[in-house]
N, C-alpha and C. Protein backbone atom coordinates (compact mmCIF):
# COMPACT_ATOMS: atom_id res chain seq x y z
N MET A 1 207.26 167.97 -31.78
CA MET A 1 206.87 166.90 -31.17
C MET A 1 205.40 167.65 -31.17
N VAL A 2 205.12 168.85 -31.03
CA VAL A 2 204.25 169.25 -30.38
C VAL A 2 202.41 169.30 -31.67
N GLU A 3 203.78 169.62 -32.64
CA GLU A 3 203.30 170.18 -34.29
C GLU A 3 202.26 168.08 -34.44
N MET A 4 202.92 167.11 -34.35
CA MET A 4 202.92 165.91 -34.13
C MET A 4 201.41 165.49 -33.22
N ALA A 5 201.57 166.37 -31.90
CA ALA A 5 200.15 165.58 -30.84
C ALA A 5 199.02 166.45 -31.49
N LEU A 6 199.03 167.50 -32.67
CA LEU A 6 197.96 168.11 -33.59
C LEU A 6 197.51 168.36 -34.45
N THR A 7 198.32 166.99 -35.16
CA THR A 7 198.11 166.36 -36.73
C THR A 7 197.42 165.30 -36.25
N SER A 8 195.97 164.62 -36.83
CA SER A 8 195.44 163.74 -36.98
C SER A 8 195.58 162.27 -37.76
N ASP A 9 195.97 161.57 -37.57
CA ASP A 9 196.26 160.43 -38.11
C ASP A 9 197.66 160.03 -38.55
N ALA A 10 198.51 161.19 -37.73
CA ALA A 10 199.76 160.97 -38.23
C ALA A 10 200.85 160.01 -38.14
N VAL A 11 201.91 159.46 -38.66
CA VAL A 11 202.12 158.36 -38.49
C VAL A 11 203.78 159.00 -37.74
N LEU A 12 204.45 157.76 -36.88
CA LEU A 12 206.23 158.59 -36.43
C LEU A 12 206.87 157.56 -36.51
N PHE A 13 207.77 157.50 -37.10
CA PHE A 13 208.99 156.38 -37.84
C PHE A 13 210.10 156.81 -36.93
N ASP A 14 210.63 155.90 -36.41
CA ASP A 14 211.92 155.90 -35.80
C ASP A 14 212.71 155.23 -36.95
N VAL A 15 213.68 155.98 -37.69
CA VAL A 15 214.38 155.33 -38.55
C VAL A 15 215.87 155.11 -38.32
N ARG A 16 215.87 155.07 -37.25
CA ARG A 16 217.35 154.21 -36.49
C ARG A 16 217.58 153.17 -37.06
N THR A 17 218.91 152.41 -36.49
CA THR A 17 219.39 150.94 -37.10
C THR A 17 218.77 150.22 -35.86
N ALA A 18 218.68 148.95 -36.16
CA ALA A 18 218.26 147.95 -34.93
C ALA A 18 219.90 148.06 -33.97
N ASP A 19 220.57 148.88 -34.12
CA ASP A 19 221.57 148.42 -33.00
C ASP A 19 221.54 149.87 -32.27
N GLU A 20 221.23 150.64 -32.86
CA GLU A 20 221.27 152.05 -32.29
C GLU A 20 219.44 151.87 -31.30
N MET A 21 218.53 151.29 -31.57
CA MET A 21 217.45 151.18 -31.15
C MET A 21 217.83 150.03 -29.73
N SER A 22 218.54 149.21 -29.73
CA SER A 22 218.77 148.31 -29.11
C SER A 22 219.38 149.12 -27.77
N ARG A 23 220.19 150.13 -28.10
CA ARG A 23 220.85 151.18 -26.75
C ARG A 23 219.85 152.00 -26.40
N ALA A 24 218.83 152.40 -26.83
CA ALA A 24 217.95 153.23 -26.65
C ALA A 24 216.86 153.41 -27.35
N PRO A 25 215.46 152.84 -26.80
CA PRO A 25 213.91 152.31 -27.10
C PRO A 25 212.99 153.67 -27.74
N ALA A 26 212.76 153.27 -28.83
CA ALA A 26 212.31 154.13 -29.07
C ALA A 26 211.01 154.44 -28.39
N LEU A 27 210.56 156.02 -29.25
CA LEU A 27 209.65 157.10 -28.51
C LEU A 27 208.10 156.24 -28.36
N GLU A 28 207.70 156.59 -27.75
CA GLU A 28 206.24 155.80 -27.52
C GLU A 28 205.24 155.95 -28.45
N GLY A 29 205.16 155.08 -29.41
CA GLY A 29 204.23 154.90 -30.86
C GLY A 29 205.00 154.81 -31.78
N ALA A 30 206.16 155.36 -31.71
CA ALA A 30 206.82 154.84 -33.18
C ALA A 30 206.94 153.70 -33.29
N VAL A 31 206.88 154.08 -34.82
CA VAL A 31 207.01 152.73 -36.02
C VAL A 31 208.58 152.49 -36.43
N PRO A 32 209.17 151.14 -35.91
CA PRO A 32 210.99 151.50 -35.92
C PRO A 32 211.27 151.15 -37.98
N LEU A 33 211.83 151.68 -38.24
CA LEU A 33 212.14 151.45 -40.14
C LEU A 33 212.96 152.05 -40.01
N ASP A 34 214.48 151.04 -40.32
CA ASP A 34 215.83 151.38 -40.47
C ASP A 34 216.03 152.59 -41.73
N VAL A 35 216.13 153.64 -42.12
CA VAL A 35 216.20 153.83 -43.25
C VAL A 35 217.56 153.23 -44.23
N LEU A 36 218.46 153.16 -43.55
CA LEU A 36 219.59 152.50 -44.04
C LEU A 36 219.03 151.02 -44.76
N SER A 37 218.18 150.13 -44.49
CA SER A 37 217.90 148.82 -44.81
C SER A 37 217.26 149.30 -46.12
N ASP A 38 217.67 148.05 -46.83
CA ASP A 38 216.72 147.35 -47.85
C ASP A 38 215.22 147.74 -48.06
N ARG A 39 214.85 146.95 -46.75
CA ARG A 39 213.12 147.58 -46.43
C ARG A 39 212.42 148.58 -46.13
N PHE A 40 213.38 149.93 -46.54
CA PHE A 40 212.87 151.02 -46.36
C PHE A 40 211.80 151.55 -47.88
N ASP A 41 212.84 151.35 -48.71
CA ASP A 41 212.60 151.52 -50.14
C ASP A 41 210.97 150.55 -50.32
N GLY A 42 211.08 149.59 -50.44
CA GLY A 42 210.08 148.76 -50.48
C GLY A 42 208.99 149.19 -49.84
N ALA A 43 209.04 149.78 -48.25
CA ALA A 43 207.89 150.11 -47.66
C ALA A 43 207.43 151.08 -48.18
N LEU A 44 208.11 152.02 -48.30
CA LEU A 44 207.06 153.61 -49.12
C LEU A 44 206.41 153.29 -50.06
N GLU A 45 206.35 152.30 -51.03
CA GLU A 45 205.28 151.97 -51.97
C GLU A 45 204.23 151.78 -51.12
N SER A 46 203.94 151.47 -50.17
CA SER A 46 202.63 150.92 -50.04
C SER A 46 201.65 152.15 -48.94
N TRP A 47 203.20 153.25 -48.79
CA TRP A 47 202.34 153.88 -47.86
C TRP A 47 201.40 155.16 -48.33
N ASP A 48 200.44 155.91 -47.50
CA ASP A 48 199.64 156.95 -48.33
C ASP A 48 200.70 158.08 -48.50
N ARG A 49 200.63 158.49 -49.42
CA ARG A 49 201.30 159.53 -49.97
C ARG A 49 201.01 161.09 -49.37
N HIS A 50 199.78 161.24 -48.98
CA HIS A 50 198.82 162.38 -48.29
C HIS A 50 198.61 162.14 -46.67
N ARG A 51 199.46 160.80 -46.23
CA ARG A 51 199.08 160.90 -44.89
C ARG A 51 200.35 161.78 -43.92
N PRO A 52 200.07 162.72 -43.01
CA PRO A 52 201.20 163.29 -42.46
C PRO A 52 202.36 162.28 -41.81
N TYR A 53 203.69 162.51 -42.19
CA TYR A 53 204.35 161.48 -41.50
C TYR A 53 205.84 162.46 -40.79
N PHE A 54 206.07 162.09 -39.25
CA PHE A 54 206.84 162.69 -38.34
C PHE A 54 208.10 161.48 -38.60
N LEU A 55 209.65 161.92 -38.66
CA LEU A 55 210.48 160.85 -38.50
C LEU A 55 211.92 161.33 -37.86
N TYR A 56 212.83 160.67 -36.90
CA TYR A 56 213.67 160.90 -36.36
C TYR A 56 214.26 159.92 -36.62
N CYS A 57 215.58 160.13 -35.57
CA CYS A 57 216.83 159.39 -35.50
C CYS A 57 217.37 159.75 -34.29
N ASP A 58 218.89 159.46 -34.18
CA ASP A 58 219.39 159.99 -33.26
C ASP A 58 220.42 161.46 -33.10
N THR A 59 220.21 161.89 -34.21
CA THR A 59 220.96 163.28 -34.65
C THR A 59 220.70 163.82 -35.36
N GLY A 60 219.38 163.59 -36.31
CA GLY A 60 218.35 164.39 -37.42
C GLY A 60 219.21 164.03 -38.91
N LYS A 61 220.31 163.58 -39.03
CA LYS A 61 220.69 163.50 -40.16
C LYS A 61 220.18 162.62 -40.70
N ARG A 62 219.90 161.21 -40.60
CA ARG A 62 219.27 160.06 -41.30
C ARG A 62 217.46 160.23 -41.42
N SER A 63 217.04 161.22 -40.42
CA SER A 63 215.69 161.84 -41.00
C SER A 63 215.52 162.77 -41.61
N ARG A 64 216.21 163.35 -41.87
CA ARG A 64 216.32 164.58 -42.68
C ARG A 64 216.50 163.97 -44.16
N LEU A 65 217.45 162.94 -44.73
CA LEU A 65 217.80 161.49 -45.26
C LEU A 65 216.42 161.07 -45.78
N ALA A 66 215.60 160.46 -45.06
CA ALA A 66 214.59 160.08 -45.14
C ALA A 66 213.57 160.97 -45.92
N CYS A 67 213.35 162.06 -44.95
CA CYS A 67 212.13 162.55 -45.60
C CYS A 67 212.44 163.63 -46.71
N THR A 68 214.03 163.42 -47.23
CA THR A 68 214.02 164.04 -48.36
C THR A 68 213.81 162.50 -49.57
N MET A 69 214.04 161.29 -49.38
CA MET A 69 213.61 160.47 -50.09
C MET A 69 212.12 160.14 -50.10
N MET A 70 211.19 160.33 -49.52
CA MET A 70 210.25 160.61 -49.61
C MET A 70 209.49 161.10 -49.88
N ALA A 71 209.75 162.48 -50.12
CA ALA A 71 208.84 164.11 -51.12
C ALA A 71 209.70 163.48 -52.45
N GLU A 72 210.63 162.73 -52.58
CA GLU A 72 211.32 162.32 -54.10
C GLU A 72 210.21 161.87 -54.76
N ARG A 73 209.30 160.45 -54.06
CA ARG A 73 208.49 159.81 -54.10
C ARG A 73 206.93 160.51 -54.25
N GLY A 74 206.93 161.15 -53.73
CA GLY A 74 205.82 162.33 -54.02
C GLY A 74 204.79 162.24 -52.61
N PHE A 75 205.89 162.30 -51.43
CA PHE A 75 205.57 162.35 -50.14
C PHE A 75 205.04 163.76 -50.03
N VAL A 76 203.79 164.31 -49.48
CA VAL A 76 203.79 165.64 -49.07
C VAL A 76 203.37 166.51 -47.86
N HIS A 77 203.73 165.54 -46.88
CA HIS A 77 203.31 166.08 -45.35
C HIS A 77 204.67 165.30 -44.66
N LEU A 78 205.43 165.93 -44.49
CA LEU A 78 207.06 164.99 -43.75
C LEU A 78 207.54 166.33 -42.93
N SER A 79 207.84 165.97 -42.03
CA SER A 79 208.90 166.60 -40.76
C SER A 79 209.63 165.63 -40.11
N TYR A 80 210.84 166.18 -39.81
CA TYR A 80 211.71 165.33 -39.07
C TYR A 80 212.34 166.14 -38.07
N LEU A 81 212.26 165.04 -37.09
CA LEU A 81 213.16 166.42 -35.72
C LEU A 81 214.44 166.48 -35.65
N ALA A 82 214.81 168.13 -36.06
CA ALA A 82 216.06 168.38 -35.86
C ALA A 82 216.58 167.94 -35.17
N GLY A 83 218.06 167.60 -35.46
CA GLY A 83 218.58 167.46 -33.96
C GLY A 83 218.57 166.22 -33.47
N GLY A 84 217.46 165.24 -33.75
CA GLY A 84 217.42 164.31 -33.78
C GLY A 84 217.06 164.26 -31.99
N LEU A 85 216.74 162.55 -31.44
CA LEU A 85 216.97 162.39 -29.91
C LEU A 85 217.81 163.70 -29.09
N ALA A 86 219.07 163.21 -29.44
CA ALA A 86 219.97 164.37 -28.86
C ALA A 86 219.64 165.58 -28.88
N ALA A 87 218.45 166.14 -29.27
CA ALA A 87 218.11 167.25 -29.13
C ALA A 87 217.08 167.43 -27.75
N LEU A 88 216.50 166.47 -27.39
CA LEU A 88 215.39 166.28 -26.72
C LEU A 88 215.60 166.37 -25.17
N PRO A 89 215.05 167.39 -24.81
CA PRO A 89 215.66 167.38 -22.99
C PRO A 89 215.36 166.51 -22.40
N LYS A 90 216.53 165.95 -21.72
CA LYS A 90 216.62 164.92 -20.90
C LYS A 90 215.47 164.22 -20.20
N GLU A 91 214.57 165.00 -19.77
CA GLU A 91 213.14 164.64 -19.37
C GLU A 91 212.44 164.04 -20.25
N ARG A 92 212.56 164.07 -21.19
CA ARG A 92 212.03 163.81 -22.33
C ARG A 92 212.62 162.23 -22.99
N LYS A 93 214.11 162.12 -22.75
CA LYS A 93 214.23 161.04 -23.21
C LYS A 93 214.08 159.49 -22.60
N LEU A 94 213.43 158.27 -23.32
CA LEU A 94 213.25 157.13 -22.90
C LEU A 94 214.18 156.20 -22.22
N SER A 95 215.98 156.78 -22.77
CA SER A 95 216.63 156.01 -22.29
C SER A 95 217.17 155.97 -21.07
């Protein structure tokens, strides 16, 4: 997360499902976008492929999947939170 704080114009995406977000709120400033929804693929078309994107989910698996999907479509500055929200220290969690 430090890398994101040091990156100008970065976008933080919460790629969890709506059900997961109802149990634990998104991190401050995160844009919710479920990687498993039909909306995800369509949204990719309108995003700047050279802008830095940081993604997270509960465990890191779907955010890694989202990064792979984005890289396959030409996005070049991608990072995800390994281990997801579960890897954050308890004092950093918002739930």
